[in-house]
PDB file of N, CA and C in Angstrom:
ATOM      1  N   MET A   1     -51.882  55.924 -73.203  1.00  0.00           N
ATOM      2  CA  MET A   1     -51.795  56.309 -71.807  1.00  0.00           C
ATOM      3  C   MET A   1     -51.774  57.833 -71.726  1.00  0.00           C
ATOM      4  N   ASP A   2     -52.627  58.359 -70.899  1.00  0.00           N
ATOM      5  CA  ASP A   2     -52.734  59.797 -70.719  1.00  0.00           C
ATOM      6  C   ASP A   2     -51.825  60.230 -69.573  1.00  0.00           C
ATOM      7  N   VAL A   3     -50.700  60.825 -69.905  1.00  0.00           N
ATOM      8  CA  VAL A   3     -49.728  61.243 -68.896  1.00  0.00           C
ATOM      9  C   VAL A   3     -50.284  62.373 -68.044  1.00  0.00           C
ATOM     10  N   ALA A   4     -51.129  63.207 -68.600  1.00  0.00           N
ATOM     11  CA  ALA A   4     -51.709  64.318 -67.838  1.00  0.00           C
ATOM     12  C   ALA A   4     -52.603  63.826 -66.707  1.00  0.00           C
ATOM     13  N   ALA A   5     -53.137  62.621 -66.828  1.00  0.00           N
ATOM     14  CA  ALA A   5     -53.994  62.070 -65.771  1.00  0.00           C
ATOM     15  C   ALA A   5     -53.182  61.577 -64.575  1.00  0.00           C
ATOM     16  N   MET A   6     -51.890  61.440 -64.737  1.00  0.00           N
ATOM     17  CA  MET A   6     -51.037  61.010 -63.627  1.00  0.00           C
ATOM     18  C   MET A   6     -50.729  62.219 -62.761  1.00  0.00           C
ATOM     19  N   ASN A   7     -51.679  62.545 -61.905  1.00  0.00           N
ATOM     20  CA  ASN A   7     -51.617  63.801 -61.171  1.00  0.00           C
ATOM     21  C   ASN A   7     -51.417  63.652 -59.669  1.00  0.00           C
ATOM     22  N   VAL A   8     -51.179  62.438 -59.187  1.00  0.00           N
ATOM     23  CA  VAL A   8     -50.925  62.248 -57.756  1.00  0.00           C
ATOM     24  C   VAL A   8     -49.579  61.549 -57.572  1.00  0.00           C
ATOM     25  N   ARG A   9     -48.940  61.878 -56.477  1.00  0.00           N
ATOM     26  CA  ARG A   9     -47.636  61.280 -56.175  1.00  0.00           C
ATOM     27  C   ARG A   9     -47.840  60.158 -55.168  1.00  0.00           C
ATOM     28  N   ILE A  10     -47.267  58.993 -55.465  1.00  0.00           N
ATOM     29  CA  ILE A  10     -47.343  57.855 -54.548  1.00  0.00           C
ATOM     30  C   ILE A  10     -45.933  57.424 -54.180  1.00  0.00           C
ATOM     31  N   MET A  11     -45.832  56.669 -53.098  1.00  0.00           N
ATOM     32  CA  MET A  11     -44.539  56.163 -52.639  1.00  0.00           C
ATOM     33  C   MET A  11     -44.638  54.646 -52.488  1.00  0.00           C
ATOM     34  N   PHE A  12     -43.721  53.941 -53.121  1.00  0.00           N
ATOM     35  CA  PHE A  12     -43.593  52.506 -52.909  1.00  0.00           C
ATOM     36  C   PHE A  12     -42.645  52.303 -51.743  1.00  0.00           C
ATOM     37  N   GLN A  13     -43.019  51.413 -50.838  1.00  0.00           N
ATOM     38  CA  GLN A  13     -42.146  51.075 -49.721  1.00  0.00           C
ATOM     39  C   GLN A  13     -41.813  49.593 -49.792  1.00  0.00           C
ATOM     40  N   LYS A  14     -40.578  49.275 -49.411  1.00  0.00           N
ATOM     41  CA  LYS A  14     -40.095  47.900 -49.451  1.00  0.00           C
ATOM     42  C   LYS A  14     -39.936  47.377 -48.036  1.00  0.00           C
ATOM     43  N   ASN A  15     -40.305  46.126 -47.822  1.00  0.00           N
ATOM     44  CA  ASN A  15     -40.190  45.488 -46.520  1.00  0.00           C
ATOM     45  C   ASN A  15     -38.769  44.946 -46.376  1.00  0.00           C
ATOM     46  N   ASP A  16     -38.069  45.400 -45.345  1.00  0.00           N
ATOM     47  CA  ASP A  16     -36.703  44.964 -45.082  1.00  0.00           C
ATOM     48  C   ASP A  16     -36.614  44.382 -43.678  1.00  0.00           C
ATOM     49  N   VAL A  17     -35.689  43.450 -43.495  1.00  0.00           N
ATOM     50  CA  VAL A  17     -35.411  42.894 -42.178  1.00  0.00           C
ATOM     51  C   VAL A  17     -34.113  43.519 -41.691  1.00  0.00           C
ATOM     52  N   VAL A  18     -34.164  44.146 -40.523  1.00  0.00           N
ATOM     53  CA  VAL A  18     -32.976  44.758 -39.934  1.00  0.00           C
ATOM     54  C   VAL A  18     -32.690  44.093 -38.601  1.00  0.00           C
ATOM     55  N   SER A  19     -31.427  44.077 -38.241  1.00  0.00           N
ATOM     56  CA  SER A  19     -31.056  43.520 -36.945  1.00  0.00           C
ATOM     57  C   SER A  19     -30.400  44.605 -36.103  1.00  0.00           C
ATOM     58  N   ASP A  20     -30.629  44.541 -34.811  1.00  0.00           N
ATOM     59  CA  ASP A  20     -30.048  45.531 -33.910  1.00  0.00           C
ATOM     60  C   ASP A  20     -28.684  45.051 -33.418  1.00  0.00           C
ATOM     61  N   ALA A  21     -28.148  45.735 -32.427  1.00  0.00           N
ATOM     62  CA  ALA A  21     -26.790  45.458 -31.948  1.00  0.00           C
ATOM     63  C   ALA A  21     -26.633  44.058 -31.345  1.00  0.00           C
ATOM     64  N   ILE A  22     -27.702  43.510 -30.786  1.00  0.00           N
ATOM     65  CA  ILE A  22     -27.579  42.190 -30.160  1.00  0.00           C
ATOM     66  C   ILE A  22     -28.153  41.076 -31.027  1.00  0.00           C
ATOM     67  N   GLY A  23     -28.515  41.386 -32.252  1.00  0.00           N
ATOM     68  CA  GLY A  23     -28.931  40.344 -33.191  1.00  0.00           C
ATOM     69  C   GLY A  23     -30.427  40.123 -33.336  1.00  0.00           C
ATOM     70  N   ASN A  24     -31.228  40.908 -32.652  1.00  0.00           N
ATOM     71  CA  ASN A  24     -32.678  40.770 -32.816  1.00  0.00           C
ATOM     72  C   ASN A  24     -33.080  41.274 -34.193  1.00  0.00           C
ATOM     73  N   ARG A  25     -33.964  40.568 -34.847  1.00  0.00           N
ATOM     74  CA  ARG A  25     -34.409  40.953 -36.183  1.00  0.00           C
ATOM     75  C   ARG A  25     -35.860  41.426 -36.129  1.00  0.00           C
ATOM     76  N   ARG A  26     -36.144  42.438 -36.962  1.00  0.00           N
ATOM     77  CA  ARG A  26     -37.520  42.921 -37.058  1.00  0.00           C
ATOM     78  C   ARG A  26     -37.746  43.475 -38.456  1.00  0.00           C
ATOM     79  N   ASN A  27     -38.987  43.484 -38.866  1.00  0.00           N
ATOM     80  CA  ASN A  27     -39.363  43.995 -40.179  1.00  0.00           C
ATOM     81  C   ASN A  27     -39.563  45.504 -40.103  1.00  0.00           C
ATOM     82  N   THR A  28     -39.053  46.200 -41.105  1.00  0.00           N
ATOM     83  CA  THR A  28     -39.269  47.640 -41.219  1.00  0.00           C
ATOM     84  C   THR A  28     -39.627  47.955 -42.663  1.00  0.00           C
ATOM     85  N   TRP A  29     -40.285  49.084 -42.847  1.00  0.00           N
ATOM     86  CA  TRP A  29     -40.632  49.544 -44.189  1.00  0.00           C
ATOM     87  C   TRP A  29     -39.741  50.726 -44.536  1.00  0.00           C
ATOM     88  N   ALA A  30     -39.069  50.637 -45.688  1.00  0.00           N
ATOM     89  CA  ALA A  30     -38.185  51.704 -46.143  1.00  0.00           C
ATOM     90  C   ALA A  30     -38.697  52.234 -47.481  1.00  0.00           C
ATOM     91  N   ASP A  31     -38.575  53.545 -47.675  1.00  0.00           N
ATOM     92  CA  ASP A  31     -38.988  54.138 -48.949  1.00  0.00           C
ATOM     93  C   ASP A  31     -38.159  53.545 -50.077  1.00  0.00           C
ATOM     94  N   TYR A  32     -38.835  53.145 -51.155  1.00  0.00           N
ATOM     95  CA  TYR A  32     -38.172  52.495 -52.286  1.00  0.00           C
ATOM     96  C   TYR A  32     -38.185  53.370 -53.531  1.00  0.00           C
ATOM     97  N   TYR A  33     -39.365  53.888 -53.900  1.00  0.00           N
ATOM     98  CA  TYR A  33     -39.478  54.652 -55.141  1.00  0.00           C
ATOM     99  C   TYR A  33     -40.733  55.514 -55.089  1.00  0.00           C
ATOM    100  N   SER A  34     -40.600  56.742 -55.554  1.00  0.00           N
ATOM    101  CA  SER A  34     -41.732  57.663 -55.604  1.00  0.00           C
ATOM    102  C   SER A  34     -41.979  58.054 -57.056  1.00  0.00           C
ATOM    103  N   CYS A  35     -43.250  58.081 -57.455  1.00  0.00           N
ATOM    104  CA  CYS A  35     -43.585  58.441 -58.828  1.00  0.00           C
ATOM    105  C   CYS A  35     -45.018  58.979 -58.881  1.00  0.00           C
ATOM    106  N   HIS A  36     -45.406  59.455 -60.045  1.00  0.00           N
ATOM    107  CA  HIS A  36     -46.768  59.937 -60.260  1.00  0.00           C
ATOM    108  C   HIS A  36     -47.643  58.792 -60.764  1.00  0.00           C
ATOM    109  N   ALA A  37     -48.919  58.849 -60.426  1.00  0.00           N
ATOM    110  CA  ALA A  37     -49.828  57.769 -60.786  1.00  0.00           C
ATOM    111  C   ALA A  37     -51.215  58.305 -61.104  1.00  0.00           C
ATOM    112  N   THR A  38     -51.973  57.482 -61.806  1.00  0.00           N
ATOM    113  CA  THR A  38     -53.401  57.704 -62.009  1.00  0.00           C
ATOM    114  C   THR A  38     -54.128  56.774 -61.057  1.00  0.00           C
ATOM    115  N   ILE A  39     -55.148  57.292 -60.382  1.00  0.00           N
ATOM    116  CA  ILE A  39     -55.871  56.502 -59.396  1.00  0.00           C
ATOM    117  C   ILE A  39     -57.287  56.256 -59.876  1.00  0.00           C
ATOM    118  N   SER A  40     -57.732  55.014 -59.726  1.00  0.00           N
ATOM    119  CA  SER A  40     -59.120  54.676 -60.027  1.00  0.00           C
ATOM    120  C   SER A  40     -59.581  53.626 -59.024  1.00  0.00           C
ATOM    121  N   ASP A  41     -60.860  53.628 -58.719  1.00  0.00           N
ATOM    122  CA  ASP A  41     -61.394  52.653 -57.778  1.00  0.00           C
ATOM    123  C   ASP A  41     -61.930  51.456 -58.547  1.00  0.00           C
ATOM    124  N   SER A  42     -62.575  50.546 -57.844  1.00  0.00           N
ATOM    125  CA  SER A  42     -63.029  49.302 -58.463  1.00  0.00           C
ATOM    126  C   SER A  42     -64.103  49.525 -59.521  1.00  0.00           C
ATOM    127  N   GLN A  43     -64.828  50.622 -59.449  1.00  0.00           N
ATOM    128  CA  GLN A  43     -65.853  50.903 -60.449  1.00  0.00           C
ATOM    129  C   GLN A  43     -65.276  51.662 -61.642  1.00  0.00           C
ATOM    130  N   GLY A  44     -63.983  51.919 -61.669  1.00  0.00           N
ATOM    131  CA  GLY A  44     -63.348  52.587 -62.793  1.00  0.00           C
ATOM    132  C   GLY A  44     -63.414  54.097 -62.739  1.00  0.00           C
ATOM    133  N   LYS A  45     -63.894  54.647 -61.640  1.00  0.00           N
ATOM    134  CA  LYS A  45     -63.948  56.101 -61.507  1.00  0.00           C
ATOM    135  C   LYS A  45     -62.600  56.618 -61.026  1.00  0.00           C
ATOM    136  N   SER A  46     -62.358  57.883 -61.227  1.00  0.00           N
ATOM    137  CA  SER A  46     -61.067  58.443 -60.834  1.00  0.00           C
ATOM    138  C   SER A  46     -61.057  58.913 -59.387  1.00  0.00           C
ATOM    139  N   SER A  47     -62.145  58.773 -58.678  1.00  0.00           N
ATOM    140  CA  SER A  47     -62.209  59.169 -57.283  1.00  0.00           C
ATOM    141  C   SER A  47     -62.296  57.930 -56.405  1.00  0.00           C
ATOM    142  N   ALA A  48     -61.666  57.970 -55.245  1.00  0.00           N
ATOM    143  CA  ALA A  48     -61.684  56.842 -54.328  1.00  0.00           C
ATOM    144  C   ALA A  48     -62.816  56.963 -53.316  1.00  0.00           C
ATOM    145  N   GLU A  49     -63.717  57.910 -53.530  1.00  0.00           N
ATOM    146  CA  GLU A  49     -64.838  58.107 -52.621  1.00  0.00           C
ATOM    147  C   GLU A  49     -66.140  58.151 -53.410  1.00  0.00           C
ATOM    148  N   SER A  50     -67.227  57.842 -52.728  1.00  0.00           N
ATOM    149  CA  SER A  50     -68.547  57.977 -53.333  1.00  0.00           C
ATOM    150  C   SER A  50     -69.525  58.425 -52.258  1.00  0.00           C
ATOM    151  N   GLU A  51     -70.661  58.887 -52.696  1.00  0.00           N
ATOM    152  CA  GLU A  51     -71.656  59.345 -51.748  1.00  0.00           C
ATOM    153  C   GLU A  51     -72.825  58.362 -51.756  1.00  0.00           C
ATOM    154  N   ALA A  52     -73.139  57.839 -50.580  1.00  0.00           N
ATOM    155  CA  ALA A  52     -74.240  56.898 -50.442  1.00  0.00           C
ATOM    156  C   ALA A  52     -75.049  57.294 -49.214  1.00  0.00           C
ATOM    157  N   ALA A  53     -76.329  57.493 -49.415  1.00  0.00           N
ATOM    158  CA  ALA A  53     -77.257  57.856 -48.337  1.00  0.00           C
ATOM    159  C   ALA A  53     -76.801  59.105 -47.600  1.00  0.00           C
ATOM    160  N   GLY A  54     -76.266  60.073 -48.326  1.00  0.00           N
ATOM    161  CA  GLY A  54     -75.872  61.328 -47.724  1.00  0.00           C
ATOM    162  C   GLY A  54     -74.537  61.308 -47.016  1.00  0.00           C
ATOM    163  N   GLN A  55     -73.839  60.166 -47.048  1.00  0.00           N
ATOM    164  CA  GLN A  55     -72.534  60.079 -46.401  1.00  0.00           C
ATOM    165  C   GLN A  55     -71.465  59.798 -47.450  1.00  0.00           C
ATOM    166  N   THR A  56     -70.317  60.392 -47.262  1.00  0.00           N
ATOM    167  CA  THR A  56     -69.193  60.115 -48.139  1.00  0.00           C
ATOM    168  C   THR A  56     -68.468  58.889 -47.616  1.00  0.00           C
ATOM    169  N   THR A  57     -68.393  57.853 -48.441  1.00  0.00           N
ATOM    170  CA  THR A  57     -67.736  56.621 -48.035  1.00  0.00           C
ATOM    171  C   THR A  57     -66.519  56.373 -48.911  1.00  0.00           C
ATOM    172  N   GLU A  58     -65.529  55.750 -48.334  1.00  0.00           N
ATOM    173  CA  GLU A  58     -64.292  55.475 -49.044  1.00  0.00           C
ATOM    174  C   GLU A  58     -64.310  54.036 -49.538  1.00  0.00           C
ATOM    175  N   HIS A  59     -63.825  53.832 -50.758  1.00  0.00           N
ATOM    176  CA  HIS A  59     -63.736  52.481 -51.294  1.00  0.00           C
ATOM    177  C   HIS A  59     -62.475  51.811 -50.764  1.00  0.00           C
ATOM    178  N   PRO A  60     -62.585  50.591 -50.254  1.00  0.00           N
ATOM    179  CA  PRO A  60     -61.406  49.928 -49.700  1.00  0.00           C
ATOM    180  C   PRO A  60     -60.426  49.436 -50.767  1.00  0.00           C
ATOM    181  N   ASP A  61     -60.916  49.205 -51.987  1.00  0.00           N
ATOM    182  CA  ASP A  61     -59.989  48.771 -53.032  1.00  0.00           C
ATOM    183  C   ASP A  61     -59.814  49.865 -54.066  1.00  0.00           C
ATOM    184  N   ILE A  62     -58.586  49.975 -54.556  1.00  0.00           N
ATOM    185  CA  ILE A  62     -58.212  51.083 -55.415  1.00  0.00           C
ATOM    186  C   ILE A  62     -57.104  50.597 -56.345  1.00  0.00           C
ATOM    187  N   SER A  63     -56.984  51.219 -57.495  1.00  0.00           N
ATOM    188  CA  SER A  63     -55.941  50.853 -58.448  1.00  0.00           C
ATOM    189  C   SER A  63     -55.054  52.066 -58.734  1.00  0.00           C
ATOM    190  N   PHE A  64     -53.762  51.812 -58.808  1.00  0.00           N
ATOM    191  CA  PHE A  64     -52.778  52.836 -59.142  1.00  0.00           C
ATOM    192  C   PHE A  64     -52.121  52.428 -60.457  1.00  0.00           C
ATOM    193  N   THR A  65     -52.139  53.314 -61.451  1.00  0.00           N
ATOM    194  CA  THR A  65     -51.484  53.059 -62.727  1.00  0.00           C
ATOM    195  C   THR A  65     -50.280  53.981 -62.840  1.00  0.00           C
ATOM    196  N   VAL A  66     -49.105  53.388 -63.048  1.00  0.00           N
ATOM    197  CA  VAL A  66     -47.862  54.146 -63.137  1.00  0.00           C
ATOM    198  C   VAL A  66     -47.148  53.808 -64.436  1.00  0.00           C
ATOM    199  N   ARG A  67     -46.252  54.697 -64.843  1.00  0.00           N
ATOM    200  CA  ARG A  67     -45.450  54.437 -66.041  1.00  0.00           C
ATOM    201  C   ARG A  67     -44.438  53.338 -65.765  1.00  0.00           C
ATOM    202  N   PHE A  68     -44.123  52.581 -66.769  1.00  0.00           N
ATOM    203  CA  PHE A  68     -43.198  51.462 -66.664  1.00  0.00           C
ATOM    204  C   PHE A  68     -41.761  51.962 -66.521  1.00  0.00           C
ATOM    205  N   CYS A  69     -41.015  51.384 -65.595  1.00  0.00           N
ATOM    206  CA  CYS A  69     -39.582  51.629 -65.457  1.00  0.00           C
ATOM    207  C   CYS A  69     -38.971  50.428 -64.730  1.00  0.00           C
ATOM    208  N   ARG A  70     -37.651  50.367 -64.652  1.00  0.00           N
ATOM    209  CA  ARG A  70     -36.991  49.225 -64.018  1.00  0.00           C
ATOM    210  C   ARG A  70     -37.361  49.080 -62.547  1.00  0.00           C
ATOM    211  N   LYS A  71     -37.434  50.192 -61.831  1.00  0.00           N
ATOM    212  CA  LYS A  71     -37.749  50.118 -60.400  1.00  0.00           C
ATOM    213  C   LYS A  71     -39.168  49.611 -60.162  1.00  0.00           C
ATOM    214  N   VAL A  72     -40.112  50.070 -60.964  1.00  0.00           N
ATOM    215  CA  VAL A  72     -41.498  49.626 -60.801  1.00  0.00           C
ATOM    216  C   VAL A  72     -41.654  48.170 -61.246  1.00  0.00           C
ATOM    217  N   LYS A  73     -40.890  47.762 -62.225  1.00  0.00           N
ATOM    218  CA  LYS A  73     -40.938  46.377 -62.698  1.00  0.00           C
ATOM    219  C   LYS A  73     -40.524  45.407 -61.594  1.00  0.00           C
ATOM    220  N   ALA A  74     -39.636  45.816 -60.684  1.00  0.00           N
ATOM    221  CA  ALA A  74     -39.155  44.962 -59.608  1.00  0.00           C
ATOM    222  C   ALA A  74     -40.143  44.828 -58.450  1.00  0.00           C
ATOM    223  N   VAL A  75     -41.194  45.621 -58.426  1.00  0.00           N
ATOM    224  CA  VAL A  75     -42.175  45.582 -57.340  1.00  0.00           C
ATOM    225  C   VAL A  75     -42.985  44.292 -57.447  1.00  0.00           C
ATOM    226  N   ASP A  76     -43.183  43.624 -56.293  1.00  0.00           N
ATOM    227  CA  ASP A  76     -44.033  42.433 -56.251  1.00  0.00           C
ATOM    228  C   ASP A  76     -45.105  42.612 -55.170  1.00  0.00           C
ATOM    229  N   THR A  77     -45.967  41.629 -55.044  1.00  0.00           N
ATOM    230  CA  THR A  77     -47.104  41.756 -54.131  1.00  0.00           C
ATOM    231  C   THR A  77     -46.755  41.423 -52.684  1.00  0.00           C
ATOM    232  N   THR A  78     -45.654  40.736 -52.450  1.00  0.00           N
ATOM    233  CA  THR A  78     -45.363  40.302 -51.087  1.00  0.00           C
ATOM    234  C   THR A  78     -44.454  41.238 -50.309  1.00  0.00           C
ATOM    235  N   GLY A  79     -43.507  41.891 -50.962  1.00  0.00           N
ATOM    236  CA  GLY A  79     -42.529  42.680 -50.231  1.00  0.00           C
ATOM    237  C   GLY A  79     -42.683  44.180 -50.354  1.00  0.00           C
ATOM    238  N   PHE A  80     -43.784  44.637 -50.952  1.00  0.00           N
ATOM    239  CA  PHE A  80     -43.961  46.066 -51.181  1.00  0.00           C
ATOM    240  C   PHE A  80     -45.358  46.516 -50.775  1.00  0.00           C
ATOM    241  N   ARG A  81     -45.500  47.812 -50.530  1.00  0.00           N
ATOM    242  CA  ARG A  81     -46.792  48.442 -50.295  1.00  0.00           C
ATOM    243  C   ARG A  81     -46.730  49.850 -50.865  1.00  0.00           C
ATOM    244  N   ILE A  82     -47.891  50.516 -50.936  1.00  0.00           N
ATOM    245  CA  ILE A  82     -47.970  51.854 -51.506  1.00  0.00           C
ATOM    246  C   ILE A  82     -48.511  52.815 -50.454  1.00  0.00           C
ATOM    247  N   LEU A  83     -47.899  53.993 -50.355  1.00  0.00           N
ATOM    248  CA  LEU A  83     -48.395  55.067 -49.499  1.00  0.00           C
ATOM    249  C   LEU A  83     -48.975  56.146 -50.389  1.00  0.00           C
ATOM    250  N   TRP A  84     -50.187  56.589 -50.037  1.00  0.00           N
ATOM    251  CA  TRP A  84     -50.815  57.680 -50.776  1.00  0.00           C
ATOM    252  C   TRP A  84     -51.794  58.396 -49.864  1.00  0.00           C
ATOM    253  N   ASP A  85     -51.721  59.695 -49.811  1.00  0.00           N
ATOM    254  CA  ASP A  85     -52.663  60.546 -49.093  1.00  0.00           C
ATOM    255  C   ASP A  85     -52.849  60.102 -47.636  1.00  0.00           C
ATOM    256  N   GLY A  86     -51.762  59.758 -46.983  1.00  0.00           N
ATOM    257  CA  GLY A  86     -51.811  59.366 -45.586  1.00  0.00           C
ATOM    258  C   GLY A  86     -52.301  57.960 -45.334  1.00  0.00           C
ATOM    259  N   GLY A  87     -52.610  57.206 -46.385  1.00  0.00           N
ATOM    260  CA  GLY A  87     -53.088  55.836 -46.240  1.00  0.00           C
ATOM    261  C   GLY A  87     -52.047  54.831 -46.696  1.00  0.00           C
ATOM    262  N   ILE A  88     -52.165  53.619 -46.168  1.00  0.00           N
ATOM    263  CA  ILE A  88     -51.269  52.521 -46.531  1.00  0.00           C
ATOM    264  C   ILE A  88     -52.087  51.509 -47.322  1.00  0.00           C
ATOM    265  N   TYR A  89     -51.555  51.085 -48.465  1.00  0.00           N
ATOM    266  CA  TYR A  89     -52.266  50.168 -49.354  1.00  0.00           C
ATOM    267  C   TYR A  89     -51.416  48.942 -49.646  1.00  0.00           C
ATOM    268  N   ASP A  90     -51.971  47.763 -49.337  1.00  0.00           N
ATOM    269  CA  ASP A  90     -51.323  46.506 -49.682  1.00  0.00           C
ATOM    270  C   ASP A  90     -51.593  46.194 -51.143  1.00  0.00           C
ATOM    271  N   ILE A  91     -50.585  45.708 -51.850  1.00  0.00           N
ATOM    272  CA  ILE A  91     -50.728  45.357 -53.258  1.00  0.00           C
ATOM    273  C   ILE A  91     -51.303  43.954 -53.360  1.00  0.00           C
ATOM    274  N   LEU A  92     -52.462  43.844 -54.001  1.00  0.00           N
ATOM    275  CA  LEU A  92     -53.113  42.552 -54.174  1.00  0.00           C
ATOM    276  C   LEU A  92     -52.748  41.892 -55.502  1.00  0.00           C
ATOM    277  N   LYS A  93     -52.643  42.698 -56.550  1.00  0.00           N
ATOM    278  CA  LYS A  93     -52.424  42.156 -57.889  1.00  0.00           C
ATOM    279  C   LYS A  93     -51.702  43.195 -58.736  1.00  0.00           C
ATOM    280  N   ILE A  94     -50.848  42.730 -59.639  1.00  0.00           N
ATOM    281  CA  ILE A  94     -50.146  43.611 -60.565  1.00  0.00           C
ATOM    282  C   ILE A  94     -50.546  43.230 -61.987  1.00  0.00           C
ATOM    283  N   ASP A  95     -51.067  44.200 -62.723  1.00  0.00           N
ATOM    284  CA  ASP A  95     -51.473  43.996 -64.114  1.00  0.00           C
ATOM    285  C   ASP A  95     -50.430  44.659 -65.012  1.00  0.00           C
ATOM    286  N   HIS A  96     -49.817  43.881 -65.899  1.00  0.00           N
ATOM    287  CA  HIS A  96     -48.774  44.405 -66.781  1.00  0.00           C
ATOM    288  C   HIS A  96     -49.336  45.027 -68.056  1.00  0.00           C
ATOM    289  N   LEU A  97     -50.642  45.103 -68.173  1.00  0.00           N
ATOM    290  CA  LEU A  97     -51.322  45.750 -69.293  1.00  0.00           C
ATOM    291  C   LEU A  97     -50.780  45.271 -70.641  1.00  0.00           C
ATOM    292  N   ASN A  98     -50.979  43.991 -70.900  1.00  0.00           N
ATOM    293  CA  ASN A  98     -50.607  43.320 -72.154  1.00  0.00           C
ATOM    294  C   ASN A  98     -49.103  43.293 -72.414  1.00  0.00           C
ATOM    295  N   TYR A  99     -48.303  43.478 -71.403  1.00  0.00           N
ATOM    296  CA  TYR A  99     -46.836  43.399 -71.497  1.00  0.00           C
ATOM    297  C   TYR A  99     -46.254  44.296 -72.589  1.00  0.00           C
ATOM    298  N   LYS A 100     -46.813  45.482 -72.737  1.00  0.00           N
ATOM    299  CA  LYS A 100     -46.311  46.433 -73.730  1.00  0.00           C
ATOM    300  C   LYS A 100     -45.220  47.340 -73.169  1.00  0.00           C
ATOM    301  N   LYS A 101     -44.909  47.203 -71.881  1.00  0.00           N
ATOM    302  CA  LYS A 101     -43.867  47.988 -71.202  1.00  0.00           C
ATOM    303  C   LYS A 101     -44.127  49.484 -71.287  1.00  0.00           C
ATOM    304  N   ARG A 102     -45.381  49.856 -71.125  1.00  0.00           N
ATOM    305  CA  ARG A 102     -45.739  51.279 -71.089  1.00  0.00           C
ATOM    306  C   ARG A 102     -46.232  51.691 -69.704  1.00  0.00           C
ATOM    307  N   ALA A 103     -46.974  50.798 -69.072  1.00  0.00           N
ATOM    308  CA  ALA A 103     -47.548  51.123 -67.761  1.00  0.00           C
ATOM    309  C   ALA A 103     -47.792  49.837 -66.978  1.00  0.00           C
ATOM    310  N   LEU A 104     -47.908  49.989 -65.661  1.00  0.00           N
ATOM    311  CA  LEU A 104     -48.275  48.895 -64.769  1.00  0.00           C
ATOM    312  C   LEU A 104     -49.439  49.370 -63.904  1.00  0.00           C
ATOM    313  N   LYS A 105     -50.375  48.465 -63.641  1.00  0.00           N
ATOM    314  CA  LYS A 105     -51.531  48.798 -62.818  1.00  0.00           C
ATOM    315  C   LYS A 105     -51.497  47.934 -61.562  1.00  0.00           C
ATOM    316  N   PHE A 106     -51.532  48.597 -60.410  1.00  0.00           N
ATOM    317  CA  PHE A 106     -51.466  47.908 -59.121  1.00  0.00           C
ATOM    318  C   PHE A 106     -52.853  47.959 -58.472  1.00  0.00           C
ATOM    319  N   LYS A 107     -53.462  46.786 -58.294  1.00  0.00           N
ATOM    320  CA  LYS A 107     -54.745  46.705 -57.576  1.00  0.00           C
ATOM    321  C   LYS A 107     -54.412  46.555 -56.101  1.00  0.00           C
ATOM    322  N   CYS A 108     -54.927  47.473 -55.286  1.00  0.00           N
ATOM    323  CA  CYS A 108     -54.548  47.526 -53.874  1.00  0.00           C
ATOM    324  C   CYS A 108     -55.781  47.562 -52.975  1.00  0.00           C
ATOM    325  N   GLU A 109     -55.518  47.300 -51.713  1.00  0.00           N
ATOM    326  CA  GLU A 109     -56.551  47.369 -50.687  1.00  0.00           C
ATOM    327  C   GLU A 109     -56.005  48.182 -49.524  1.00  0.00           C
ATOM    328  N   LYS A 110     -56.808  49.086 -49.008  1.00  0.00           N
ATOM    329  CA  LYS A 110     -56.371  49.937 -47.907  1.00  0.00           C
ATOM    330  C   LYS A 110     -56.232  49.110 -46.636  1.00  0.00           C
ATOM    331  N   VAL A 111     -55.136  49.354 -45.924  1.00  0.00           N
ATOM    332  CA  VAL A 111     -54.854  48.640 -44.676  1.00  0.00           C
ATOM    333  C   VAL A 111     -55.695  49.258 -43.576  1.00  0.00           C
ATOM    334  N   ARG A 112     -56.402  48.431 -42.856  1.00  0.00           N
ATOM    335  CA  ARG A 112     -57.198  48.903 -41.711  1.00  0.00           C
ATOM    336  C   ARG A 112     -56.326  48.934 -40.485  1.00  0.00           C
ATOM    337  N   ARG A 113     -56.382  50.026 -39.756  1.00  0.00           N
ATOM    338  CA  ARG A 113     -55.595  50.132 -38.520  1.00  0.00           C
ATOM    339  C   ARG A 113     -56.494  50.212 -37.342  1.00  0.00           C
TER     340      ARG A 113
END
């Protein structure tokens, strides 16, 4: 694993249910953990953009590779999301990279608003 390639900071957010003073419940996203990551798109390139027909287009699916730790190990696909560069990314799949406890790879899809 090339630590020097982990050059972007990402934020994991956790989905929590909070209740107000009269008992109404609603879902909120709270910051869970921030770390450095390596980013690659579905074609394995390190950029999340490509140029097609003279226009720069963004790839909707992207992968984030982070170093293994207890907090990242607790992340799952249903209750967490990733924030990066002003975008929100839903976690589709988590790859444990042969269970060597060195890194985790999160395959994500950008949320359309």
